[in-house]
Amino acid sequence: MIPKPSLWRTFWGSVEFKLLLAWSAVVLITALLDSGHTYYYQSASSAELILRNTVLLGFFALGSSVIIISGGIDLSSGSVIALSATVFGALLILLDPEGFSKGSISTSAVVLAIAGTLLVGVMIGTLHAWLITAVGLPPFIATLATLVGLRSFGRALAPIMMNGKSQIDFPDRALRNVLKDVTSISILFLILAILVWIVMSKTVTGRHLHAMGGNEQAARLSGIRTDRLKWFAYVLGAVTASIVGIISFADQGSAKPDIMARGYELNAIASSVIGGCSLQGGIGTIPGVVLGCLFLRTVIDAVSKIVGTGSDVYEGMIVGIVVVLAVTFSQRVDRSAIKKYFSTPIGWASIPILGITAGIGLLLFFGNQAWYSPLKGILFGVFVTICLAGRALYETVIHKPVIHKPK
């Protein structure tokens, strides 16, 4: 009989604990490298900014993670957000045109517009489920089509509602402050996260979603109605993105479907992967996804504090590096085995590439710092190359084949 691991050992080895450690390290390193010491002198505003960005990302990351756990993928989150913001603005114009023009929209119009926007989210999720289950498209293709199609739909809708203008401006300042209030949206996100956690970990539906993600054919043969589960997952993903569309419209003050939320879907997928979700399906926890959002937004905020102006240019690079590192280390299931990263011919060829990339990365991130010099960038690249070559030699020695001499 295999002994059950202790509670402390389970917690020590969990993704959530490792993310908390990594998040603490990022905050500490940022506090040391930030020349303005923003986390110390402006701690309240810094915490509010990270919390707001984490919550906005967390809403649709929750939906995206459920889809990933169920074995699917959703590439359309950013376009759903842009379209939902445009639809919300269009419904406000249709339901209360006089109030919209005066900047004082009636409460009934706001409630109906929110309900209508969420209904659009349900319709988009249903469309995804139909394309996947009835038409037979792979989830990647189905959501790739709506990725471009929904944003284009929003770009066509905005000029119709605004007499040729490509964006809808939010006119009611008081309503904006209510919809984007960080305390309110944080409470709403917390309630949603708890509900999704209960569904995924305490209900039959959650267990069936995990089972379908692990092996869909086996789940179907055991009597699980996989089509209904996919409908639930994709509707949840689209509705959570619609919620972000409403909040983003108020937060940014306008709905610009051509540029709004562009690339957000990759951040949602990245947060889910960092939080422990497997892209092969069947594995993942909601607390891990929430911490993954917090960690990713903190890393992006840390770079903005250290690099300063123009740090948004590096956001995609940071997300890519963090995702590669998270997935690489999460694959180390067998701790007794030494994984061969660099001792193969492709691995040896990658070592100078990574060394050059490290040297250029030091230039990009710290080139404006007083202590930086080109020589230090070169030495850092050489140092990384030597370290990786040492790792390759170690892997070669460890995995050296044993030749048995004939007796």
Protein backbone atom coordinates (compact mmCIF):
# COMPACT_ATOMS: atom_id res chain seq x y z
CA MET A 1 0.00 0.00 0.00
CA ILE A 2 1.43 3.37 -1.00
CA PRO A 3 1.62 5.76 2.02
CA LYS A 4 -0.39 8.95 1.68
CA PRO A 5 1.86 12.06 1.57
CA SER A 6 1.54 14.50 4.46
CA LEU A 7 -0.43 17.72 4.11
CA TRP A 8 2.75 19.81 4.44
CA ARG A 9 4.55 17.77 1.76
CA THR A 10 1.55 18.14 -0.56
CA PHE A 11 1.48 21.91 -0.01
CA TRP A 12 5.29 22.19 -0.43
CA GLY A 13 5.14 20.46 -3.81
CA SER A 14 2.06 22.28 -5.11
CA VAL A 15 2.06 24.74 -8.00
CA GLU A 16 0.35 27.32 -5.78
CA PHE A 17 3.17 27.30 -3.20
CA LYS A 18 5.84 27.60 -5.90
CA LEU A 19 3.97 30.51 -7.49
CA LEU A 20 3.76 32.30 -4.15
CA LEU A 21 7.53 31.88 -3.70
CA ALA A 22 8.21 33.08 -7.25
CA TRP A 23 5.86 36.06 -6.79
CA SER A 24 7.63 37.04 -3.54
CA ALA A 25 11.00 36.83 -5.30
CA VAL A 26 9.78 39.07 -8.15
CA VAL A 27 8.50 41.70 -5.68
CA LEU A 28 11.78 41.61 -3.72
CA ILE A 29 13.97 41.87 -6.84
CA THR A 30 11.85 44.74 -8.19
CA ALA A 31 12.12 46.61 -4.90
CA LEU A 32 15.92 46.30 -5.13
CA LEU A 33 16.37 47.20 -8.82
CA ASP A 34 13.73 49.95 -9.12
CA SER A 35 15.68 53.21 -8.86
CA GLY A 36 12.54 55.10 -7.84
CA HIS A 37 11.65 52.54 -5.11
CA THR A 38 8.00 52.73 -6.24
CA TYR A 39 6.89 49.73 -4.19
CA TYR A 40 8.10 51.51 -1.03
CA TYR A 41 7.08 55.13 -1.60
CA GLN A 42 3.90 54.44 -3.62
CA SER A 43 2.93 51.06 -2.23
CA ALA A 44 -0.85 51.69 -2.20
CA SER A 45 -1.09 52.89 -5.82
CA SER A 46 1.28 50.12 -6.98
CA ALA A 47 -0.82 47.45 -5.24
CA GLU A 48 -4.03 48.89 -6.72
CA LEU A 49 -2.57 48.89 -10.23
CA ILE A 50 -1.41 45.26 -9.98
CA LEU A 51 -4.75 44.24 -8.43
CA ARG A 52 -6.76 45.93 -11.19
CA ASN A 53 -4.72 44.34 -13.98
CA THR A 54 -4.78 40.94 -12.25
CA VAL A 55 -8.56 41.05 -11.86
CA LEU A 56 -9.17 42.10 -15.47
CA LEU A 57 -6.92 39.30 -16.69
CA GLY A 58 -8.34 36.87 -14.14
CA PHE A 59 -11.94 37.17 -15.33
CA PHE A 60 -11.38 35.70 -18.78
CA ALA A 61 -8.43 33.55 -17.64
CA LEU A 62 -10.93 31.64 -15.48
CA GLY A 63 -13.03 30.84 -18.54
CA SER A 64 -9.98 30.08 -20.64
CA SER A 65 -8.62 27.68 -17.98
CA VAL A 66 -11.87 25.70 -17.82
CA ILE A 67 -11.71 25.29 -21.61
CA ILE A 68 -8.07 24.15 -21.40
CA ILE A 69 -8.83 21.68 -18.59
CA SER A 70 -11.67 20.25 -20.70
CA GLY A 71 -9.18 19.60 -23.52
CA GLY A 72 -9.97 22.61 -25.72
CA ILE A 73 -8.45 26.00 -26.50
CA ASP A 74 -9.93 29.46 -27.05
CA LEU A 75 -8.02 31.96 -29.19
CA SER A 76 -10.87 34.47 -29.44
CA SER A 77 -10.95 36.03 -25.94
CA GLY A 78 -9.45 39.35 -27.05
CA SER A 79 -11.89 39.70 -29.94
CA VAL A 80 -14.84 38.78 -27.69
CA ILE A 81 -13.77 41.55 -25.28
CA ALA A 82 -13.56 44.12 -28.11
CA LEU A 83 -16.91 43.07 -29.59
CA SER A 84 -18.62 43.01 -26.18
CA ALA A 85 -17.43 46.54 -25.40
CA THR A 86 -18.79 47.71 -28.78
CA VAL A 87 -22.10 45.90 -28.27
CA PHE A 88 -22.46 47.35 -24.76
CA GLY A 89 -21.95 50.86 -26.13
CA ALA A 90 -24.35 50.23 -29.01
CA LEU A 91 -27.05 48.94 -26.64
CA LEU A 92 -26.68 52.02 -24.42
CA ILE A 93 -27.24 54.21 -27.49
CA LEU A 94 -30.29 52.21 -28.61
CA LEU A 95 -31.92 51.92 -25.18
CA ASP A 96 -31.39 55.52 -24.02
CA PRO A 97 -30.27 57.74 -26.92
CA GLU A 98 -31.17 60.99 -25.16
CA GLY A 99 -29.38 60.01 -21.94
CA PHE A 100 -26.33 58.84 -23.93
CA SER A 101 -26.04 62.20 -25.70
CA LYS A 102 -26.43 64.14 -22.41
CA GLY A 103 -24.03 61.91 -20.47
CA SER A 104 -26.63 60.64 -18.00
CA ILE A 105 -27.83 57.14 -18.88
CA SER A 106 -30.82 55.65 -17.05
CA THR A 107 -30.31 52.69 -14.71
CA SER A 108 -32.80 50.50 -16.58
CA ALA A 109 -30.89 51.04 -19.84
CA VAL A 110 -27.60 50.10 -18.15
CA VAL A 111 -29.07 46.91 -16.66
CA LEU A 112 -30.61 45.86 -19.98
CA ALA A 113 -27.38 46.69 -21.86
CA ILE A 114 -25.33 44.55 -19.45
CA ALA A 115 -27.83 41.68 -19.81
CA GLY A 116 -27.75 42.00 -23.59
CA THR A 117 -23.94 42.01 -23.69
CA LEU A 118 -23.75 38.89 -21.51
CA LEU A 119 -26.34 37.26 -23.80
CA VAL A 120 -24.03 37.99 -26.74
CA GLY A 121 -21.32 36.14 -24.79
CA VAL A 122 -23.64 33.14 -24.42
CA MET A 123 -24.33 33.24 -28.16
CA ILE A 124 -20.61 33.34 -29.02
CA GLY A 125 -19.89 30.41 -26.69
CA THR A 126 -22.76 28.45 -28.21
CA LEU A 127 -21.38 29.19 -31.69
CA HIS A 128 -17.98 27.85 -30.64
CA ALA A 129 -19.55 24.68 -29.20
CA TRP A 130 -21.59 24.15 -32.37
CA LEU A 131 -18.56 24.57 -34.66
CA ILE A 132 -16.60 22.05 -32.58
CA THR A 133 -19.24 19.42 -31.77
CA ALA A 134 -21.59 19.53 -34.79
CA VAL A 135 -19.44 20.85 -37.65
CA GLY A 136 -16.42 18.95 -36.38
CA LEU A 137 -13.83 21.75 -36.51
CA PRO A 138 -10.83 21.49 -34.18
CA PRO A 139 -11.09 24.06 -31.33
CA PHE A 140 -7.97 25.83 -32.63
CA ILE A 141 -9.55 26.42 -36.07
CA ALA A 142 -13.02 27.31 -34.74
CA THR A 143 -11.76 29.96 -32.33
CA LEU A 144 -9.13 31.20 -34.82
CA ALA A 145 -11.97 31.98 -37.23
CA THR A 146 -13.90 33.92 -34.58
CA LEU A 147 -10.67 35.62 -33.48
CA VAL A 148 -10.60 37.56 -36.76
CA GLY A 149 -14.34 37.48 -37.50
CA LEU A 150 -15.64 38.95 -34.23
CA ARG A 151 -13.18 41.85 -34.22
CA SER A 152 -14.13 42.64 -37.81
CA PHE A 153 -17.81 42.53 -36.80
CA GLY A 154 -17.13 45.06 -34.06
CA ARG A 155 -15.25 47.34 -36.47
CA ALA A 156 -18.27 47.29 -38.79
CA LEU A 157 -20.75 47.93 -35.95
CA ALA A 158 -19.06 50.97 -34.39
CA PRO A 159 -19.33 53.32 -37.45
CA ILE A 160 -23.01 52.40 -37.87
CA MET A 161 -23.79 53.49 -34.31
CA MET A 162 -21.51 56.57 -34.29
CA ASN A 163 -22.19 58.07 -37.74
CA GLY A 164 -18.92 56.96 -39.28
CA LYS A 165 -16.62 57.14 -36.23
CA SER A 166 -14.56 54.03 -35.60
CA GLN A 167 -15.03 54.10 -31.82
CA ILE A 168 -17.77 54.59 -29.23
CA ASP A 169 -16.92 57.02 -26.42
CA PHE A 170 -18.28 56.46 -22.92
CA PRO A 171 -20.31 59.63 -22.09
CA ASP A 172 -21.44 59.04 -18.48
CA ARG A 173 -18.54 59.79 -16.11
CA ALA A 174 -20.45 58.73 -12.96
CA LEU A 175 -21.38 55.39 -14.51
CA ARG A 176 -17.77 54.90 -15.62
CA ASN A 177 -16.54 55.32 -12.06
CA VAL A 178 -19.06 52.74 -10.83
CA LEU A 179 -18.24 50.13 -13.48
CA LYS A 180 -14.45 50.42 -13.17
CA ASP A 181 -14.25 50.72 -9.36
CA VAL A 182 -11.41 48.41 -8.35
CA THR A 183 -13.07 47.34 -5.08
CA SER A 184 -16.33 46.36 -6.78
CA ILE A 185 -14.73 44.45 -9.64
CA SER A 186 -12.34 42.71 -7.21
CA ILE A 187 -15.28 41.47 -5.10
CA LEU A 188 -17.10 40.36 -8.25
CA PHE A 189 -13.99 38.51 -9.43
CA LEU A 190 -13.53 36.83 -6.05
CA ILE A 191 -17.15 35.61 -6.08
CA LEU A 192 -16.78 34.32 -9.65
CA ALA A 193 -13.48 32.58 -8.84
CA ILE A 194 -15.03 30.84 -5.81
CA LEU A 195 -18.03 29.69 -7.87
CA VAL A 196 -15.82 28.32 -10.65
CA TRP A 197 -13.58 26.62 -8.05
CA ILE A 198 -16.63 24.94 -6.48
CA VAL A 199 -17.89 23.78 -9.88
CA MET A 200 -14.49 22.42 -10.92
CA SER A 201 -13.49 20.72 -7.65
CA LYS A 202 -16.71 19.88 -5.78
CA THR A 203 -19.28 18.92 -8.42
CA VAL A 204 -19.86 16.09 -10.86
CA THR A 205 -19.64 18.57 -13.76
CA GLY A 206 -16.12 19.54 -12.71
CA ARG A 207 -14.98 15.92 -12.43
CA HIS A 208 -16.47 15.19 -15.85
CA LEU A 209 -14.66 18.20 -17.36
CA HIS A 210 -11.36 16.90 -15.99
CA ALA A 211 -12.14 13.39 -17.25
CA MET A 212 -13.06 14.68 -20.71
CA GLY A 213 -9.83 16.68 -20.89
CA GLY A 214 -7.78 13.64 -19.89
CA ASN A 215 -9.36 11.24 -22.38
CA GLU A 216 -12.41 12.40 -24.32
CA GLN A 217 -13.13 9.04 -25.98
CA ALA A 218 -13.01 7.18 -22.67
CA ALA A 219 -15.24 9.81 -21.09
CA ARG A 220 -17.79 9.45 -23.92
CA LEU A 221 -17.76 5.66 -23.69
CA SER A 222 -18.36 5.86 -19.95
CA GLY A 223 -21.57 7.79 -20.55
CA ILE A 224 -20.44 11.38 -20.06
CA ARG A 225 -22.26 13.83 -22.34
CA THR A 226 -19.21 15.57 -23.74
CA ASP A 227 -21.11 17.91 -26.08
CA ARG A 228 -22.94 19.55 -23.16
CA LEU A 229 -19.69 19.91 -21.23
CA LYS A 230 -18.03 21.63 -24.18
CA TRP A 231 -21.00 23.99 -24.48
CA PHE A 232 -20.66 24.85 -20.77
CA ALA A 233 -16.90 25.45 -21.04
CA TYR A 234 -17.05 27.66 -24.15
CA VAL A 235 -20.07 29.65 -22.91
CA LEU A 236 -18.26 30.29 -19.61
CA GLY A 237 -15.18 31.41 -21.55
CA ALA A 238 -17.14 33.83 -23.75
CA VAL A 239 -19.28 35.25 -20.92
CA THR A 240 -16.24 35.98 -18.73
CA ALA A 241 -14.65 37.76 -21.72
CA SER A 242 -17.89 39.78 -22.16
CA ILE A 243 -17.67 40.88 -18.51
CA VAL A 244 -14.17 42.18 -19.20
CA GLY A 245 -15.50 43.95 -22.31
CA ILE A 246 -18.02 45.91 -20.19
CA ILE A 247 -15.42 46.82 -17.55
CA SER A 248 -12.77 47.72 -20.16
CA PHE A 249 -15.22 50.03 -21.95
CA ALA A 250 -15.68 51.98 -18.71
CA ASP A 251 -12.01 51.73 -17.72
CA GLN A 252 -10.62 53.02 -21.03
CA GLY A 253 -13.46 55.45 -21.74
CA SER A 254 -14.04 54.22 -25.27
CA ALA A 255 -14.61 51.07 -27.30
CA LYS A 256 -12.06 50.80 -30.11
CA PRO A 257 -12.69 47.38 -31.67
CA ASP A 258 -9.69 47.64 -34.01
CA ILE A 259 -7.09 47.77 -31.22
CA MET A 260 -8.93 46.97 -27.99
CA ALA A 261 -7.73 43.84 -26.10
CA ARG A 262 -5.51 42.80 -28.98
CA GLY A 263 -3.40 39.80 -27.91
CA TYR A 264 -5.21 39.34 -24.59
CA GLU A 265 -6.10 35.72 -25.43
CA LEU A 266 -2.43 34.76 -25.24
CA ASN A 267 -2.12 36.28 -21.76
CA ALA A 268 -5.13 34.24 -20.62
CA ILE A 269 -3.61 31.02 -21.98
CA ALA A 270 -0.23 31.94 -20.50
CA SER A 271 -1.76 32.56 -17.05
CA SER A 272 -3.51 29.20 -17.17
CA VAL A 273 -0.30 27.39 -18.13
CA ILE A 274 1.73 29.21 -15.47
CA GLY A 275 -0.97 28.27 -12.96
CA GLY A 276 -0.48 24.57 -13.68
CA CYS A 277 -3.01 23.82 -16.44
CA SER A 278 -1.86 21.30 -19.02
CA LEU A 279 -2.52 22.20 -22.66
CA GLN A 280 -3.19 18.48 -23.18
CA GLY A 281 -6.22 18.80 -20.90
CA GLY A 282 -7.37 17.13 -17.69
CA ILE A 283 -5.00 18.97 -15.31
CA GLY A 284 -5.35 22.33 -13.60
CA THR A 285 -6.72 24.15 -10.54
CA ILE A 286 -8.57 27.47 -10.19
CA PRO A 287 -6.37 28.77 -7.29
CA GLY A 288 -3.34 28.05 -9.49
CA VAL A 289 -4.84 30.07 -12.36
CA VAL A 290 -5.59 33.03 -10.07
CA LEU A 291 -2.02 32.98 -8.74
CA GLY A 292 -0.75 32.60 -12.32
CA CYS A 293 -2.56 35.84 -13.24
CA LEU A 294 -1.10 37.61 -10.19
CA PHE A 295 2.42 36.37 -10.98
CA LEU A 296 2.24 37.31 -14.68
CA ARG A 297 0.85 40.81 -14.06
CA THR A 298 3.44 41.39 -11.29
CA VAL A 299 6.28 40.41 -13.64
CA ILE A 300 4.98 42.78 -16.32
CA ASP A 301 4.59 45.55 -13.73
CA ALA A 302 8.10 44.86 -12.42
CA VAL A 303 9.59 45.38 -15.88
CA SER A 304 7.69 48.65 -16.27
CA LYS A 305 9.15 49.83 -12.97
CA ILE A 306 12.71 48.81 -13.85
CA VAL A 307 12.79 49.70 -17.56
CA GLY A 308 10.56 52.78 -17.39
CA THR A 309 9.13 54.45 -20.49
CA GLY A 310 8.34 52.10 -23.39
CA SER A 311 8.26 48.96 -21.25
CA ASP A 312 5.05 47.79 -22.98
CA VAL A 313 7.23 46.89 -25.97
CA TYR A 314 8.71 44.04 -23.93
CA GLU A 315 5.40 42.62 -22.66
CA GLY A 316 5.15 39.93 -25.33
CA MET A 317 8.78 38.92 -24.77
CA ILE A 318 8.25 38.62 -21.04
CA VAL A 319 5.09 36.54 -21.41
CA GLY A 320 6.90 34.21 -23.82
CA ILE A 321 9.89 33.71 -21.53
CA VAL A 322 7.73 33.13 -18.44
CA VAL A 323 5.56 30.58 -20.26
CA VAL A 324 8.59 28.64 -21.54
CA LEU A 325 10.15 28.53 -18.07
CA ALA A 326 6.86 27.55 -16.39
CA VAL A 327 6.13 24.71 -18.80
CA THR A 328 9.76 23.51 -18.77
CA PHE A 329 9.92 23.15 -15.01
CA SER A 330 6.39 21.77 -14.69
CA GLN A 331 7.40 18.90 -16.98
CA ARG A 332 9.97 17.70 -14.45
CA VAL A 333 7.73 15.04 -12.99
CA ASP A 334 10.42 12.42 -12.39
CA ARG A 335 12.88 14.16 -10.05
CA SER A 336 15.31 11.23 -10.09
CA ALA A 337 15.90 11.59 -13.84
CA ILE A 338 18.21 14.20 -15.40
CA LYS A 339 16.50 15.70 -18.44
CA LYS A 340 18.75 16.26 -21.47
CA TYR A 341 18.30 19.90 -22.46
CA PHE A 342 21.65 20.67 -24.12
CA SER A 343 23.68 17.49 -24.61
CA THR A 344 22.02 16.65 -27.95
CA PRO A 345 23.26 18.20 -31.26
CA ILE A 346 20.28 20.59 -31.31
CA GLY A 347 20.96 21.45 -27.67
CA TRP A 348 24.63 22.31 -28.39
CA ALA A 349 23.51 24.47 -31.33
CA SER A 350 21.05 26.33 -29.07
CA ILE A 351 23.67 27.27 -26.46
CA PRO A 352 25.29 30.20 -28.38
CA ILE A 353 21.82 31.39 -29.47
CA LEU A 354 20.69 31.58 -25.83
CA GLY A 355 23.96 33.26 -24.83
CA ILE A 356 23.55 35.97 -27.50
CA THR A 357 19.89 36.39 -26.54
CA ALA A 358 20.85 36.84 -22.87
CA GLY A 359 23.42 39.53 -23.77
CA ILE A 360 20.94 41.40 -25.98
CA GLY A 361 18.25 41.03 -23.30
CA LEU A 362 20.51 42.74 -20.76
CA LEU A 363 20.94 45.61 -23.24
CA LEU A 364 17.19 45.93 -23.88
CA PHE A 365 16.11 45.82 -20.25
CA PHE A 366 18.97 47.68 -18.53
CA GLY A 367 20.58 49.71 -21.34
CA ASN A 368 19.33 52.97 -19.80
CA GLN A 369 20.74 52.19 -16.35
CA ALA A 370 23.80 54.08 -15.14
CA TRP A 371 25.71 50.89 -14.30
CA TYR A 372 25.26 49.33 -17.76
CA SER A 373 28.04 49.19 -20.36
CA PRO A 374 28.38 47.20 -23.64
CA LEU A 375 31.26 45.21 -22.10
CA LYS A 376 28.99 44.00 -19.29
CA GLY A 377 26.41 42.90 -21.84
CA ILE A 378 29.05 40.87 -23.71
CA LEU A 379 30.43 39.36 -20.50
CA PHE A 380 26.92 38.39 -19.37
CA GLY A 381 26.26 36.64 -22.69
CA VAL A 382 29.58 34.78 -22.42
CA PHE A 383 28.79 33.83 -18.80
CA VAL A 384 25.41 32.38 -19.78
CA THR A 385 27.03 30.46 -22.67
CA ILE A 386 29.66 28.96 -20.36
CA CYS A 387 27.02 27.95 -17.78
CA LEU A 388 24.86 26.24 -20.41
CA ALA A 389 27.92 24.48 -21.90
CA GLY A 390 28.76 23.22 -18.40
CA ARG A 391 25.24 21.88 -18.05
CA ALA A 392 25.60 20.14 -21.45
CA LEU A 393 28.87 18.47 -20.36
CA TYR A 394 27.22 17.37 -17.09
CA GLU A 395 24.31 15.84 -19.00
CA THR A 396 26.76 14.08 -21.33
CA VAL A 397 28.70 12.56 -18.43
CA ILE A 398 25.54 11.50 -16.56
CA HIS A 399 23.99 9.90 -19.63
CA LYS A 400 27.23 8.40 -20.97
CA PRO A 401 26.32 4.97 -22.35
CA VAL A 402 27.78 2.01 -20.50
CA ILE A 403 29.64 -0.39 -22.81
CA HIS A 404 29.64 -3.96 -21.56
CA LYS A 405 32.79 -5.81 -22.62
CA PRO A 406 32.28 -9.41 -23.74
CA LYS A 407 33.51 -11.95 -21.23
